[in-house]
C-alpha atoms as a PDB file:
ATOM      1  CA  MET A   1      15.427  -3.992  10.110  1.00  0.00           C
ATOM      2  CA  ASN A   2      13.350  -7.106  10.653  1.00  0.00           C
ATOM      3  CA  ASN A   3       9.777  -7.412  12.126  1.00  0.00           C
ATOM      4  CA  HIS A   4      10.594  -6.784  16.020  1.00  0.00           C
ATOM      5  CA  GLY A   5      12.346  -3.087  14.657  1.00  0.00           C
ATOM      6  CA  HIS A   6       9.378  -2.257  12.464  1.00  0.00           C
ATOM      7  CA  LEU A   7       7.268  -2.840  16.204  1.00  0.00           C
ATOM      8  CA  ALA A   8       8.788  -0.561  17.545  1.00  0.00           C
ATOM      9  CA  ASP A   9       9.139   1.990  15.408  1.00  0.00           C
ATOM     10  CA  PHE A  10       5.745   1.925  14.649  1.00  0.00           C
ATOM     11  CA  LEU A  11       4.473   1.942  18.133  1.00  0.00           C
ATOM     12  CA  GLN A  12       7.007   4.730  18.900  1.00  0.00           C
ATOM     13  CA  ALA A  13       5.993   6.477  16.074  1.00  0.00           C
ATOM     14  CA  ARG A  14       1.532   5.282  17.067  1.00  0.00           C
ATOM     15  CA  ARG A  15       1.815   6.609  20.519  1.00  0.00           C
ATOM     16  CA  GLY A  16       3.575  10.131  19.812  1.00  0.00           C
ATOM     17  CA  GLN A  17       0.675  11.374  17.598  1.00  0.00           C
ATOM     18  CA  LEU A  18      -2.198  11.014  20.879  1.00  0.00           C
ATOM     19  CA  ARG A  19      -2.298  13.818  22.765  1.00  0.00           C
ATOM     20  CA  PRO A  20      -3.307  13.451  26.532  1.00  0.00           C
ATOM     21  CA  GLU A  21      -5.580  15.290  25.741  1.00  0.00           C
ATOM     22  CA  ASP A  22      -7.630  12.770  22.746  1.00  0.00           C
ATOM     23  CA  VAL A  23      -7.788   9.769  25.162  1.00  0.00           C
ATOM     24  CA  GLY A  24      -8.675  12.342  28.310  1.00  0.00           C
ATOM     25  CA  LEU A  25      -5.909  12.534  30.540  1.00  0.00           C
ATOM     26  CA  GLN A  26      -5.044  15.702  32.703  1.00  0.00           C
ATOM     27  CA  THR A  27      -1.716  16.852  31.958  1.00  0.00           C
ATOM     28  CA  TYR A  28      -2.743  19.690  34.608  1.00  0.00           C
ATOM     29  CA  GLY A  29      -0.532  22.451  32.404  1.00  0.00           C
ATOM     30  CA  GLU A  30       2.609  20.756  32.840  1.00  0.00           C
ATOM     31  CA  ARG A  31       5.621  21.515  29.729  1.00  0.00           C
ATOM     32  CA  ARG A  32       6.645  17.805  28.222  1.00  0.00           C
ATOM     33  CA  ARG A  33       9.528  17.571  26.529  1.00  0.00           C
ATOM     34  CA  VAL A  34       8.600  15.810  24.079  1.00  0.00           C
ATOM     35  CA  PRO A  35       4.476  15.239  21.985  1.00  0.00           C
ATOM     36  CA  GLY A  36       2.094  12.661  22.120  1.00  0.00           C
ATOM     37  CA  LEU A  37       1.370   9.845  25.171  1.00  0.00           C
ATOM     38  CA  ARG A  38       4.559   8.937  27.545  1.00  0.00           C
ATOM     39  CA  ARG A  39       5.411   5.541  28.172  1.00  0.00           C
ATOM     40  CA  GLU A  40       4.122   4.994  31.010  1.00  0.00           C
ATOM     41  CA  GLU A  41       0.425   6.788  29.767  1.00  0.00           C
ATOM     42  CA  LEU A  42       0.338   4.582  27.305  1.00  0.00           C
ATOM     43  CA  ALA A  43       0.821   1.825  29.167  1.00  0.00           C
ATOM     44  CA  MET A  44      -1.969   1.986  31.967  1.00  0.00           C
ATOM     45  CA  LEU A  45      -4.742   3.135  29.084  1.00  0.00           C
ATOM     46  CA  ALA A  46      -4.180  -0.037  28.028  1.00  0.00           C
ATOM     47  CA  GLY A  47      -3.642  -1.275  31.177  1.00  0.00           C
ATOM     48  CA  ILE A  48      -0.225  -3.248  31.468  1.00  0.00           C
ATOM     49  CA  SER A  49       2.858  -2.746  33.335  1.00  0.00           C
ATOM     50  CA  ALA A  50       5.086   0.357  31.916  1.00  0.00           C
ATOM     51  CA  PRO A  51       8.092  -1.810  32.180  1.00  0.00           C
ATOM     52  CA  TYR A  52       6.226  -4.361  30.007  1.00  0.00           C
ATOM     53  CA  TYR A  53       5.741  -1.891  27.449  1.00  0.00           C
ATOM     54  CA  THR A  54       9.185  -0.504  27.307  1.00  0.00           C
ATOM     55  CA  ARG A  55      10.870  -3.258  26.418  1.00  0.00           C
ATOM     56  CA  LEU A  56       7.482  -4.112  23.871  1.00  0.00           C
ATOM     57  CA  GLU A  57       8.238  -0.406  22.434  1.00  0.00           C
ATOM     58  CA  GLN A  58      12.125  -0.969  22.357  1.00  0.00           C
ATOM     59  CA  GLY A  59      12.383  -4.153  19.819  1.00  0.00           C
ATOM     60  CA  GLN A  60      13.722  -6.047  23.671  1.00  0.00           C
ATOM     61  CA  SER A  61      10.435  -8.405  24.201  1.00  0.00           C
ATOM     62  CA  HIS A  62       8.856 -10.721  21.690  1.00  0.00           C
ATOM     63  CA  ASN A  63       5.970 -12.494  23.045  1.00  0.00           C
ATOM     64  CA  ALA A  64       2.671 -10.547  23.075  1.00  0.00           C
ATOM     65  CA  SER A  65      -0.294 -12.201  23.207  1.00  0.00           C
ATOM     66  CA  ARG A  66      -3.663 -11.434  21.480  1.00  0.00           C
ATOM     67  CA  GLU A  67      -4.831 -10.036  24.439  1.00  0.00           C
ATOM     68  CA  VAL A  68      -1.965  -6.945  25.428  1.00  0.00           C
ATOM     69  CA  LEU A  69      -2.045  -6.496  21.517  1.00  0.00           C
ATOM     70  CA  ASP A  70      -5.853  -5.635  21.424  1.00  0.00           C
ATOM     71  CA  ALA A  71      -5.546  -3.655  23.964  1.00  0.00           C
ATOM     72  CA  ILE A  72      -2.561  -1.515  23.264  1.00  0.00           C
ATOM     73  CA  ALA A  73      -3.751  -1.088  19.694  1.00  0.00           C
ATOM     74  CA  LYS A  74      -7.500  -0.320  21.482  1.00  0.00           C
ATOM     75  CA  ALA A  75      -5.557   2.435  23.618  1.00  0.00           C
ATOM     76  CA  LEU A  76      -3.416   4.087  20.697  1.00  0.00           C
ATOM     77  CA  ARG A  77      -6.958   3.859  18.975  1.00  0.00           C
ATOM     78  CA  LEU A  78      -6.171   1.545  15.810  1.00  0.00           C
ATOM     79  CA  ASP A  79      -8.198   0.921  12.993  1.00  0.00           C
ATOM     80  CA  ASP A  80      -8.746  -2.829  12.399  1.00  0.00           C
ATOM     81  CA  SER A  81      -6.418  -2.540   9.226  1.00  0.00           C
ATOM     82  CA  GLU A  82      -3.698  -1.509  12.101  1.00  0.00           C
ATOM     83  CA  ARG A  83      -4.746  -3.722  14.253  1.00  0.00           C
ATOM     84  CA  ALA A  84      -4.265  -6.409  11.775  1.00  0.00           C
ATOM     85  CA  HIS A  85      -0.763  -4.693  11.066  1.00  0.00           C
ATOM     86  CA  LEU A  86       0.707  -4.405  14.301  1.00  0.00           C
ATOM     87  CA  HIS A  87      -0.375  -8.301  15.166  1.00  0.00           C
ATOM     88  CA  ALA A  88       1.405  -9.248  12.155  1.00  0.00           C
ATOM     89  CA  LEU A  89       4.739  -6.931  13.149  1.00  0.00           C
ATOM     90  CA  ALA A  90       4.562  -8.457  17.003  1.00  0.00           C
ATOM     91  CA  ASN A  91       4.174 -12.524  15.578  1.00  0.00           C
ATOM     92  CA  ALA A  92       6.271 -12.588  12.847  1.00  0.00           C
ATOM     93  CA  PRO A  93       9.185 -15.060  13.862  1.00  0.00           C
ATOM     94  CA  ARG A  94      12.386 -13.730  14.335  1.00  0.00           C
ATOM     95  CA  ARG A  95      14.924 -13.548  10.944  1.00  0.00           C
ATOM     96  CA  GLY A  96      16.707 -16.760  10.939  1.00  0.00           C
ATOM     97  CA  ARG A  97      19.521 -16.816   7.868  1.00  0.00           C
ATOM     98  CA  PRO A  98      19.319 -13.749   5.214  1.00  0.00           C
ATOM     99  CA  ALA A  99      16.758 -14.135   3.140  1.00  0.00           C
ATOM    100  CA  GLY A 100      17.980 -15.149  -0.657  1.00  0.00           C
ATOM    101  CA  ARG A 101      17.408 -12.049  -3.603  1.00  0.00           C
ATOM    102  CA  PRO A 102      13.844 -13.033  -4.367  1.00  0.00           C
ATOM    103  CA  ARG A 103      12.559 -14.798  -7.566  1.00  0.00           C
ATOM    104  CA  ALA A 104      10.805 -12.282 -10.128  1.00  0.00           C
ATOM    105  CA  GLU A 105       7.050 -12.422  -9.686  1.00  0.00           C
ATOM    106  CA  ARG A 106       4.634 -13.858 -12.081  1.00  0.00           C
ATOM    107  CA  ILE A 107       1.012 -14.603 -12.820  1.00  0.00           C
ATOM    108  CA  SER A 108      -0.508 -17.596 -13.861  1.00  0.00           C
ATOM    109  CA  PRO A 109      -2.608 -18.516 -16.209  1.00  0.00           C
ATOM    110  CA  ALA A 110      -5.821 -18.482 -14.772  1.00  0.00           C
ATOM    111  CA  THR A 111      -5.757 -14.298 -13.570  1.00  0.00           C
ATOM    112  CA  SER A 112      -4.305 -13.819 -16.991  1.00  0.00           C
ATOM    113  CA  ALA A 113      -7.644 -15.485 -17.990  1.00  0.00           C
ATOM    114  CA  LEU A 114      -9.356 -13.306 -16.012  1.00  0.00           C
ATOM    115  CA  LEU A 115      -7.562 -10.277 -17.543  1.00  0.00           C
ATOM    116  CA  ALA A 116      -8.721 -11.145 -20.643  1.00  0.00           C
ATOM    117  CA  ALA A 117     -12.851 -11.958 -19.772  1.00  0.00           C
ATOM    118  CA  ILE A 118     -12.909  -7.965 -19.392  1.00  0.00           C
ATOM    119  CA  GLU A 119     -11.142  -6.337 -22.061  1.00  0.00           C
ATOM    120  CA  GLY A 120     -12.861  -3.631 -22.288  1.00  0.00           C
ATOM    121  CA  THR A 121     -13.119  -2.439 -18.455  1.00  0.00           C
ATOM    122  CA  PRO A 122      -9.723  -0.826 -17.273  1.00  0.00           C
ATOM    123  CA  ALA A 123      -7.488  -3.601 -15.600  1.00  0.00           C
ATOM    124  CA  ILE A 124      -3.900  -4.259 -13.966  1.00  0.00           C
ATOM    125  CA  VAL A 125      -1.597  -7.028 -12.481  1.00  0.00           C
ATOM    126  CA  MET A 126       0.183  -6.171  -9.655  1.00  0.00           C
ATOM    127  CA  GLY A 127       2.782  -7.849  -7.694  1.00  0.00           C
ATOM    128  CA  ARG A 128       3.392  -7.060  -3.702  1.00  0.00           C
ATOM    129  CA  ARG A 129       5.970  -4.588  -3.972  1.00  0.00           C
ATOM    130  CA  SER A 130       3.275  -2.915  -6.193  1.00  0.00           C
ATOM    131  CA  ASP A 131       4.905  -3.480 -10.062  1.00  0.00           C
ATOM    132  CA  VAL A 132       2.618  -3.937 -12.864  1.00  0.00           C
ATOM    133  CA  LEU A 133       3.438  -7.585 -13.835  1.00  0.00           C
ATOM    134  CA  ALA A 134       0.689  -7.230 -16.403  1.00  0.00           C
ATOM    135  CA  TRP A 135      -2.126  -5.402 -18.046  1.00  0.00           C
ATOM    136  CA  ASN A 136      -5.131  -4.839 -20.326  1.00  0.00           C
ATOM    137  CA  ARG A 137      -4.921  -1.781 -22.984  1.00  0.00           C
ATOM    138  CA  GLN A 138      -7.451   0.413 -20.936  1.00  0.00           C
ATOM    139  CA  GLY A 139      -5.628   0.064 -17.971  1.00  0.00           C
ATOM    140  CA  HIS A 140      -3.217   0.998 -19.396  1.00  0.00           C
ATOM    141  CA  GLY A 141      -4.882   3.811 -21.120  1.00  0.00           C
ATOM    142  CA  LEU A 142      -6.156   5.071 -18.202  1.00  0.00           C
ATOM    143  CA  PHE A 143      -3.108   4.662 -15.555  1.00  0.00           C
ATOM    144  CA  ALA A 144       0.046   4.603 -17.937  1.00  0.00           C
ATOM    145  CA  SER A 145      -0.647   6.241 -21.463  1.00  0.00           C
ATOM    146  CA  HIS A 146       2.778   7.568 -21.937  1.00  0.00           C
ATOM    147  CA  LEU A 147       3.887   4.296 -20.687  1.00  0.00           C
ATOM    148  CA  ASP A 148       5.321   1.693 -22.879  1.00  0.00           C
ATOM    149  CA  LEU A 149       2.075  -0.965 -23.297  1.00  0.00           C
ATOM    150  CA  GLY A 150       4.713  -3.715 -23.306  1.00  0.00           C
ATOM    151  CA  SER A 151       6.876  -2.364 -20.927  1.00  0.00           C
ATOM    152  CA  PRO A 152       5.039  -5.377 -18.152  1.00  0.00           C
ATOM    153  CA  ASP A 153       6.159  -7.936 -20.467  1.00  0.00           C
ATOM    154  CA  THR A 154      10.106  -8.359 -19.263  1.00  0.00           C
ATOM    155  CA  PRO A 155      10.640  -7.362 -15.401  1.00  0.00           C
ATOM    156  CA  GLY A 156      13.590  -5.621 -15.875  1.00  0.00           C
ATOM    157  CA  ARG A 157      11.279  -3.284 -17.331  1.00  0.00           C
ATOM    158  CA  ARG A 158       8.280  -2.892 -15.275  1.00  0.00           C
ATOM    159  CA  PRO A 159       6.089  -0.086 -14.048  1.00  0.00           C
ATOM    160  CA  ASN A 160       5.900   0.357 -10.193  1.00  0.00           C
ATOM    161  CA  MET A 161       2.396   2.371  -9.079  1.00  0.00           C
ATOM    162  CA  ALA A 162       4.133   3.354  -5.756  1.00  0.00           C
ATOM    163  CA  ARG A 163       6.989   4.967  -7.529  1.00  0.00           C
ATOM    164  CA  LEU A 164       4.335   6.776 -10.821  1.00  0.00           C
ATOM    165  CA  VAL A 165       2.058   8.172  -8.189  1.00  0.00           C
ATOM    166  CA  PHE A 166       5.303   9.486  -6.587  1.00  0.00           C
ATOM    167  CA  LEU A 167       8.295  10.197  -8.902  1.00  0.00           C
ATOM    168  CA  ASP A 168       6.240   9.925 -12.265  1.00  0.00           C
ATOM    169  CA  ALA A 169       4.904  13.732 -13.551  1.00  0.00           C
ATOM    170  CA  HIS A 170       2.404  12.940 -15.672  1.00  0.00           C
ATOM    171  CA  THR A 171       0.872   9.888 -12.590  1.00  0.00           C
ATOM    172  CA  ARG A 172       0.886  12.294 -10.545  1.00  0.00           C
ATOM    173  CA  ASP A 173      -0.811  14.766 -12.394  1.00  0.00           C
ATOM    174  CA  LEU A 174      -3.772  12.409 -13.487  1.00  0.00           C
ATOM    175  CA  TYR A 175      -5.924  12.613  -9.594  1.00  0.00           C
ATOM    176  CA  THR A 176      -6.982  15.493  -8.902  1.00  0.00           C
ATOM    177  CA  ASP A 177      -6.650  14.666  -5.038  1.00  0.00           C
ATOM    178  CA  TRP A 178      -3.264  14.098  -5.122  1.00  0.00           C
ATOM    179  CA  PRO A 179      -2.479  13.076  -1.526  1.00  0.00           C
ATOM    180  CA  ALA A 180      -5.312  10.719  -1.217  1.00  0.00           C
ATOM    181  CA  LYS A 181      -4.471   8.035  -3.424  1.00  0.00           C
ATOM    182  CA  ALA A 182      -0.602   8.664  -2.002  1.00  0.00           C
ATOM    183  CA  ARG A 183      -1.918   7.777   0.817  1.00  0.00           C
ATOM    184  CA  ALA A 184      -3.690   4.953   0.054  1.00  0.00           C
ATOM    185  CA  VAL A 185       0.174   3.381  -1.666  1.00  0.00           C
ATOM    186  CA  VAL A 186       1.931   4.063   1.343  1.00  0.00           C
ATOM    187  CA  GLY A 187      -0.238   1.717   3.244  1.00  0.00           C
ATOM    188  CA  ASN A 188      -0.568  -0.820   1.219  1.00  0.00           C
ATOM    189  CA  LEU A 189       3.496  -0.502   1.236  1.00  0.00           C
ATOM    190  CA  ARG A 190       3.601  -0.060   5.232  1.00  0.00           C
ATOM    191  CA  LEU A 191       1.578  -3.158   4.617  1.00  0.00           C
ATOM    192  CA  THR A 192       3.929  -5.240   2.994  1.00  0.00           C
ATOM    193  CA  ALA A 193       6.626  -4.505   4.836  1.00  0.00           C
ATOM    194  CA  GLY A 194       4.480  -5.761   7.869  1.00  0.00           C
ATOM    195  CA  ARG A 195       4.392  -8.903   5.374  1.00  0.00           C
ATOM    196  CA  TYR A 196       8.245  -9.442   4.058  1.00  0.00           C
ATOM    197  CA  PRO A 197      10.412  -7.359   6.514  1.00  0.00           C
ATOM    198  CA  ASP A 198      13.484  -9.079   5.160  1.00  0.00           C
ATOM    199  CA  ASP A 199      12.678  -8.956   1.269  1.00  0.00           C
ATOM    200  CA  PRO A 200      15.238  -6.849  -0.431  1.00  0.00           C
ATOM    201  CA  LEU A 201      13.451  -5.132  -3.190  1.00  0.00           C
ATOM    202  CA  LEU A 202      10.937  -3.926  -1.098  1.00  0.00           C
ATOM    203  CA  ALA A 203      13.734  -2.265   0.986  1.00  0.00           C
ATOM    204  CA  GLY A 204      15.259  -1.200  -2.034  1.00  0.00           C
ATOM    205  CA  LEU A 205      12.182   0.601  -3.275  1.00  0.00           C
ATOM    206  CA  ILE A 206      10.915   2.222   0.326  1.00  0.00           C
ATOM    207  CA  GLY A 207      14.847   3.480   0.309  1.00  0.00           C
ATOM    208  CA  GLU A 208      14.432   5.065  -3.446  1.00  0.00           C
ATOM    209  CA  LEU A 209      10.695   6.911  -2.684  1.00  0.00           C
ATOM    210  CA  THR A 210      12.068   8.124   0.789  1.00  0.00           C
ATOM    211  CA  MET A 211      15.234  10.131  -1.178  1.00  0.00           C
ATOM    212  CA  GLY A 212      13.543  10.949  -4.645  1.00  0.00           C
ATOM    213  CA  SER A 213      10.221  12.447  -2.711  1.00  0.00           C
ATOM    214  CA  PRO A 214       9.716  14.744   1.210  1.00  0.00           C
ATOM    215  CA  GLU A 215       6.207  13.656   0.793  1.00  0.00           C
ATOM    216  CA  PHE A 216       7.069  10.015   1.085  1.00  0.00           C
ATOM    217  CA  ALA A 217       9.303   9.606   3.794  1.00  0.00           C
ATOM    218  CA  THR A 218       6.633  12.356   5.688  1.00  0.00           C
ATOM    219  CA  MET A 219       3.475  10.115   5.034  1.00  0.00           C
ATOM    220  CA  TRP A 220       6.295   7.359   5.706  1.00  0.00           C
ATOM    221  CA  ALA A 221       7.576   8.443   9.114  1.00  0.00           C
ATOM    222  CA  ASP A 222       4.112   8.215  10.146  1.00  0.00           C
ATOM    223  CA  HIS A 223       3.217   4.755   9.920  1.00  0.00           C
ATOM    224  CA  ARG A 224      -0.217   5.236   9.277  1.00  0.00           C
ATOM    225  CA  ILE A 225      -2.351   2.473   7.128  1.00  0.00           C
ATOM    226  CA  VAL A 226      -4.999   3.609   5.536  1.00  0.00           C
ATOM    227  CA  ALA A 227      -7.133   0.904   3.867  1.00  0.00           C
ATOM    228  CA  CYS A 228      -7.669   0.824   0.359  1.00  0.00           C
ATOM    229  CA  ASP A 229      -9.499  -2.378  -0.828  1.00  0.00           C
ATOM    230  CA  VAL A 230     -12.241  -0.531  -2.346  1.00  0.00           C
ATOM    231  CA  ALA A 231     -11.352   3.585  -3.029  1.00  0.00           C
ATOM    232  CA  ASP A 232     -13.520   6.579  -5.123  1.00  0.00           C
ATOM    233  CA  TYR A 233     -10.886   9.120  -7.307  1.00  0.00           C
ATOM    234  CA  GLU A 234     -11.494  11.787  -9.377  1.00  0.00           C
ATOM    235  CA  MET A 235      -9.236  10.970 -12.395  1.00  0.00           C
ATOM    236  CA  ARG A 236      -7.810  14.286 -14.959  1.00  0.00           C
ATOM    237  CA  HIS A 237      -7.423  11.838 -18.460  1.00  0.00           C
ATOM    238  CA  PRO A 238      -5.663  13.449 -20.824  1.00  0.00           C
ATOM    239  CA  LEU A 239      -7.839  12.579 -23.166  1.00  0.00           C
ATOM    240  CA  VAL A 240     -10.994  11.596 -21.836  1.00  0.00           C
ATOM    241  CA  GLY A 241     -11.373  14.302 -19.693  1.00  0.00           C
ATOM    242  CA  THR A 242     -12.337  14.086 -16.366  1.00  0.00           C
ATOM    243  CA  LEU A 243     -13.968  11.478 -14.687  1.00  0.00           C
ATOM    244  CA  THR A 244     -14.535   9.636 -10.655  1.00  0.00           C
ATOM    245  CA  VAL A 245     -13.712   5.495 -11.008  1.00  0.00           C
ATOM    246  CA  THR A 246     -13.885   3.508  -8.520  1.00  0.00           C
ATOM    247  CA  GLN A 247     -10.206   1.358  -7.870  1.00  0.00           C
ATOM    248  CA  GLN A 248     -11.275  -1.954  -6.351  1.00  0.00           C
ATOM    249  CA  THR A 249      -8.413  -3.816  -5.330  1.00  0.00           C
ATOM    250  CA  LEU A 250      -9.077  -8.075  -5.970  1.00  0.00           C
ATOM    251  CA  GLN A 251      -6.789 -10.271  -3.480  1.00  0.00           C
ATOM    252  CA  SER A 252      -5.984 -13.418  -2.096  1.00  0.00           C
ATOM    253  CA  PRO A 253      -7.709 -14.092   1.667  1.00  0.00           C
ATOM    254  CA  GLN A 254      -3.658 -14.967   2.044  1.00  0.00           C
ATOM    255  CA  GLY A 255      -2.791 -11.590   0.497  1.00  0.00           C
ATOM    256  CA  ASN A 256       0.427 -12.904  -0.667  1.00  0.00           C
ATOM    257  CA  GLY A 257      -0.182 -13.511  -4.297  1.00  0.00           C
ATOM    258  CA  PRO A 258      -1.103 -10.842  -6.893  1.00  0.00           C
ATOM    259  CA  ALA A 259      -3.477  -8.182  -7.211  1.00  0.00           C
ATOM    260  CA  LEU A 260      -6.062  -7.038  -9.232  1.00  0.00           C
ATOM    261  CA  VAL A 261      -6.654  -3.406  -8.928  1.00  0.00           C
ATOM    262  CA  VAL A 262     -10.149  -2.338 -11.779  1.00  0.00           C
ATOM    263  CA  ALA A 263     -11.919   0.471 -11.935  1.00  0.00           C
ATOM    264  CA  THR A 264     -15.528   1.726 -12.920  1.00  0.00           C
ATOM    265  CA  ALA A 265     -17.812   3.842 -13.367  1.00  0.00           C
ATOM    266  CA  ASP A 266     -20.920   4.403 -12.192  1.00  0.00           C
ATOM    267  CA  PRO A 267     -23.688   3.021 -14.698  1.00  0.00           C
ATOM    268  CA  GLY A 268     -24.837   6.050 -16.983  1.00  0.00           C
ATOM    269  CA  SER A 269     -22.320   8.804 -15.452  1.00  0.00           C
ATOM    270  CA  SER A 270     -20.252  10.699 -17.328  1.00  0.00           C
ATOM    271  CA  SER A 271     -17.566   8.957 -15.928  1.00  0.00           C
ATOM    272  CA  ALA A 272     -19.397   5.835 -17.920  1.00  0.00           C
ATOM    273  CA  THR A 273     -19.424   7.457 -20.519  1.00  0.00           C
ATOM    274  CA  ALA A 274     -15.590   7.984 -20.789  1.00  0.00           C
ATOM    275  CA  LEU A 275     -14.518   4.711 -19.632  1.00  0.00           C
ATOM    276  CA  ASN A 276     -16.307   3.868 -22.898  1.00  0.00           C
ATOM    277  CA  LEU A 277     -14.741   6.772 -25.246  1.00  0.00           C
ATOM    278  CA  LEU A 278     -11.219   5.399 -23.404  1.00  0.00           C
ATOM    279  CA  ALA A 279     -12.120   1.558 -24.394  1.00  0.00           C
ATOM    280  CA  HIS A 280     -12.663   2.784 -28.298  1.00  0.00           C
ATOM    281  CA  ALA A 281     -10.012   4.978 -28.702  1.00  0.00           C
ATOM    282  CA  THR A 282      -7.547   1.615 -26.874  1.00  0.00           C
ATOM    283  CA  ALA A 283      -9.518  -0.751 -29.515  1.00  0.00           C
ATOM    284  CA  SER A 284      -8.692   1.263 -32.568  1.00  0.00           C
ATOM    285  CA  GLU A 285      -4.531   0.986 -31.702  1.00  0.00           C
ATOM    286  CA  GLU A 286      -3.094  -2.236 -33.403  1.00  0.00           C
ATOM    287  CA  ALA A 287      -2.689  -5.081 -30.808  1.00  0.00           C
ATOM    288  CA  THR A 288       0.188  -6.463 -30.130  1.00  0.00           C
ATOM    289  CA  ARG A 289       2.063  -9.129 -28.960  1.00  0.00           C
ATOM    290  CA  PRO A 290       0.421 -11.037 -25.768  1.00  0.00           C
ATOM    291  CA  ARG A 291       0.427  -8.591 -22.729  1.00  0.00           C
ATOM    292  CA  HIS A 292       2.327 -11.624 -20.787  1.00  0.00           C
ATOM    293  CA  GLY A 293       3.203 -14.877 -22.955  1.00  0.00           C
ATOM    294  CA  ALA A 294       4.714 -18.271 -21.746  1.00  0.00           C
ATOM    295  CA  GLU A 295       7.889 -16.890 -20.173  1.00  0.00           C
ATOM    296  CA  ASN A 296       5.525 -15.089 -17.844  1.00  0.00           C
ATOM    297  CA  ARG A 297       3.233 -18.404 -16.533  1.00  0.00           C
ATOM    298  CA  ILE A 298       3.852 -20.547 -13.379  1.00  0.00           C
END
């Protein structure tokens, strides 16, 4: 599916989630065949013609102006992240030749040096499809201690955080509020799908998760975007117990490179003590080969 198909699905889903009473429309007790707003009601709220909105929602119009998109976003009550996603879907170029198989993602020497510089703080480097490209010992110990420490070094063996959150029992049990973490993962995948609609590996991952997890299928279908550059999560770690960490995602402004995810805790808190215990436990293990060698450099 190209981005204009994603746009149609996004508009249909979000329109269906708004009730007339949510936007101050009177229904006078009439029976409605489908939940949510009708197309003509949404068009009226946005100040555009119903036929034009219908063509846009059906993927038949590809030239919506910024002003029209902003009006639709306001009518749909989208937040800033959802508004940006709407613009990305509407303004993507039309598909040309089929995209080839994407090359394996790699991390740069600068990112490798940054990961080494923050040794002692749990950190992982994720690709755009949430594949783990690298992690330090603390990041491995916090997020995936049940997996092989060296697994990110080989593209074919790399863990995928979205897959772990939805399909791996250990990772699911890590998060006290698992649904909040799951929604954040789905939101990130939604944004990525908007930027890379022709990525076959991303489409394959989404298909796998849809088939393997009813929760993912439900969350994916509602087209909600959850911005989670910074989020607090309570974790139940099998080694150091319960702790609350702030997960920060650091990425280039263009959003087209690997992201560094770092976990920290409030200084002096019991969670900070737990992270220190984890750092000592992982540091005592025998050092392994570098987390990313020459084959992972660009």
